[in-house]
C-alpha atoms as a PDB file:
ATOM      1  CA  MET A   1     -39.753   6.918  52.604  1.00  0.00           C
ATOM      2  CA  ILE A   2     -36.246   7.301  52.132  1.00  0.00           C
ATOM      3  CA  LEU A   3     -35.191   6.377  48.457  1.00  0.00           C
ATOM      4  CA  SER A   4     -31.784   4.850  47.882  1.00  0.00           C
ATOM      5  CA  LYS A   5     -29.871   6.534  44.764  1.00  0.00           C
ATOM      6  CA  LYS A   6     -27.690   5.296  42.766  1.00  0.00           C
ATOM      7  CA  GLY A   7     -24.837   6.180  39.929  1.00  0.00           C
ATOM      8  CA  GLN A   8     -26.614   5.250  36.538  1.00  0.00           C
ATOM      9  CA  GLY A   9     -23.114   5.765  34.752  1.00  0.00           C
ATOM     10  CA  LEU A  10     -21.371   3.275  32.807  1.00  0.00           C
ATOM     11  CA  PRO A  11     -18.840   0.829  35.126  1.00  0.00           C
ATOM     12  CA  LEU A  12     -15.051   1.620  34.705  1.00  0.00           C
ATOM     13  CA  ASN A  13     -14.587  -1.803  33.718  1.00  0.00           C
ATOM     14  CA  VAL A  14     -16.576  -0.927  30.512  1.00  0.00           C
ATOM     15  CA  ILE A  15     -14.755   2.343  29.760  1.00  0.00           C
ATOM     16  CA  VAL A  16     -11.366   0.640  30.157  1.00  0.00           C
ATOM     17  CA  ILE A  17     -12.309  -2.272  27.570  1.00  0.00           C
ATOM     18  CA  ALA A  18     -13.604   0.506  24.967  1.00  0.00           C
ATOM     19  CA  ALA A  19     -10.667   2.133  25.235  1.00  0.00           C
ATOM     20  CA  ILE A  20      -8.729  -1.202  24.810  1.00  0.00           C
ATOM     21  CA  VAL A  21     -10.936  -1.552  21.990  1.00  0.00           C
ATOM     22  CA  LEU A  22     -10.646   1.445  20.412  1.00  0.00           C
ATOM     23  CA  VAL A  23      -6.481   1.202  20.686  1.00  0.00           C
ATOM     24  CA  VAL A  24      -6.831  -2.341  18.745  1.00  0.00           C
ATOM     25  CA  MET A  25      -8.719  -0.919  16.304  1.00  0.00           C
ATOM     26  CA  VAL A  26      -6.479   2.074  15.570  1.00  0.00           C
ATOM     27  CA  VAL A  27      -3.373  -0.090  15.348  1.00  0.00           C
ATOM     28  CA  LEU A  28      -5.063  -2.822  12.737  1.00  0.00           C
ATOM     29  CA  ILE A  29      -6.081  -0.167  10.433  1.00  0.00           C
ATOM     30  CA  THR A  30      -2.616   1.583  10.496  1.00  0.00           C
ATOM     31  CA  ILE A  31      -1.014  -1.673   9.741  1.00  0.00           C
ATOM     32  CA  PHE A  32      -3.523  -2.690   6.953  1.00  0.00           C
ATOM     33  CA  ILE A  33      -3.304   0.615   5.165  1.00  0.00           C
ATOM     34  CA  GLY A  34       0.518   0.225   5.441  1.00  0.00           C
ATOM     35  CA  SER A  35       0.261  -2.967   4.015  1.00  0.00           C
ATOM     36  CA  THR A  36      -1.811  -2.272   0.758  1.00  0.00           C
ATOM     37  CA  GLY A  37       0.274   0.671   0.136  1.00  0.00           C
ATOM     38  CA  LYS A  38       3.724  -1.301  -0.157  1.00  0.00           C
ATOM     39  CA  THR A  39       1.639  -3.920  -2.014  1.00  0.00           C
ATOM     40  CA  GLY A  40       0.492  -1.457  -4.709  1.00  0.00           C
ATOM     41  CA  ARG A  41       3.646  -0.360  -5.199  1.00  0.00           C
ATOM     42  CA  GLU A  42       5.110  -3.702  -5.723  1.00  0.00           C
ATOM     43  CA  LEU A  43       2.280  -4.519  -8.025  1.00  0.00           C
ATOM     44  CA  ALA A  44       3.123  -1.578 -10.308  1.00  0.00           C
ATOM     45  CA  GLU A  45       7.129  -2.235 -10.573  1.00  0.00           C
ATOM     46  CA  CYS A  46       8.270  -3.483 -14.023  1.00  0.00           C
ATOM     47  CA  GLY A  47       9.947  -7.044 -13.047  1.00  0.00           C
ATOM     48  CA  ASN A  48       6.814  -7.796 -11.449  1.00  0.00           C
ATOM     49  CA  LYS A  49       4.833  -7.147 -14.609  1.00  0.00           C
ATOM     50  CA  GLY A  50       7.057  -9.377 -16.448  1.00  0.00           C
ATOM     51  CA  GLY A  51       9.137  -6.829 -18.087  1.00  0.00           C
ATOM     52  CA  GLN A  52      12.624  -4.968 -18.160  1.00  0.00           C
ATOM     53  CA  CYS A  53      13.721  -1.417 -17.307  1.00  0.00           C
ATOM     54  CA  LEU A  54      15.596  -0.068 -20.337  1.00  0.00           C
ATOM     55  CA  GLN A  55      17.301   2.959 -20.652  1.00  0.00           C
ATOM     56  CA  GLY A  56      15.181   5.365 -23.376  1.00  0.00           C
ATOM     57  CA  THR A  57      12.117   6.668 -23.545  1.00  0.00           C
ATOM     58  CA  THR A  58      10.788   3.961 -26.174  1.00  0.00           C
ATOM     59  CA  CYS A  59      11.091   0.316 -26.602  1.00  0.00           C
ATOM     60  CA  ASP A  60      12.747  -1.349 -29.404  1.00  0.00           C
ATOM     61  CA  THR A  61       9.652  -2.571 -31.035  1.00  0.00           C
ATOM     62  CA  ASN A  62      12.095  -4.007 -34.301  1.00  0.00           C
ATOM     63  CA  ALA A  63      13.892  -6.275 -31.803  1.00  0.00           C
ATOM     64  CA  GLY A  64      10.506  -7.872 -30.420  1.00  0.00           C
ATOM     65  CA  TRP A  65      10.274  -5.414 -27.033  1.00  0.00           C
ATOM     66  CA  ALA A  66       7.001  -3.807 -26.417  1.00  0.00           C
ATOM     67  CA  PRO A  67       5.933  -1.371 -23.846  1.00  0.00           C
ATOM     68  CA  VAL A  68       4.504  -2.694 -20.594  1.00  0.00           C
ATOM     69  CA  PRO A  69       1.482  -0.067 -19.522  1.00  0.00           C
ATOM     70  CA  GLY A  70       1.175   0.914 -15.741  1.00  0.00           C
ATOM     71  CA  ALA A  71       4.465  -0.378 -14.545  1.00  0.00           C
ATOM     72  CA  ASP A  72       7.111   1.794 -12.831  1.00  0.00           C
ATOM     73  CA  CYS A  73      10.720   1.729 -13.687  1.00  0.00           C
ATOM     74  CA  LEU A  74      12.592   3.241 -10.338  1.00  0.00           C
ATOM     75  CA  THR A  75      15.087   5.486 -11.089  1.00  0.00           C
ATOM     76  CA  GLU A  76      17.366   7.494  -8.617  1.00  0.00           C
ATOM     77  CA  ALA A  77      17.369  11.256  -8.960  1.00  0.00           C
ATOM     78  CA  GLY A  78      19.775  12.539 -11.929  1.00  0.00           C
ATOM     79  CA  ALA A  79      19.870   8.506 -13.485  1.00  0.00           C
ATOM     80  CA  PRO A  80      19.268   7.930 -17.354  1.00  0.00           C
ATOM     81  CA  GLU A  81      15.259   7.950 -17.866  1.00  0.00           C
ATOM     82  CA  GLN A  82      14.166   4.371 -18.251  1.00  0.00           C
ATOM     83  CA  ILE A  83      10.719   2.669 -19.611  1.00  0.00           C
ATOM     84  CA  CYS A  84       9.257  -0.679 -18.920  1.00  0.00           C
ATOM     85  CA  CYS A  85       9.276  -3.246 -22.105  1.00  0.00           C
ATOM     86  CA  ALA A  86       8.603  -6.235 -22.466  1.00  0.00           C
ATOM     87  CA  TYR A  87       9.942  -9.290 -24.790  1.00  0.00           C
ATOM     88  CA  VAL A  88       7.356 -10.447 -26.882  1.00  0.00           C
ATOM     89  CA  GLY A  89       9.699 -12.181 -29.755  1.00  0.00           C
END
């Protein structure tokens, strides 16, 4: 009695499909991480929080300005320091 021995490995098409799925997942994760980083920076900008970047380190509360906590005023190196203030009347 001679038994037929067949390979028990994975078919080649299953390996190819798994590799394609893996590449697609890596691309989607990269796009998602890049988008969330950009969105986080945009949300932290002063103008998007209803404020204005004013020169100085404090807001003029006597003129009706209040500091906006957690807001960023993006400045270039060597530019005067700025603070994010919102007019509250």
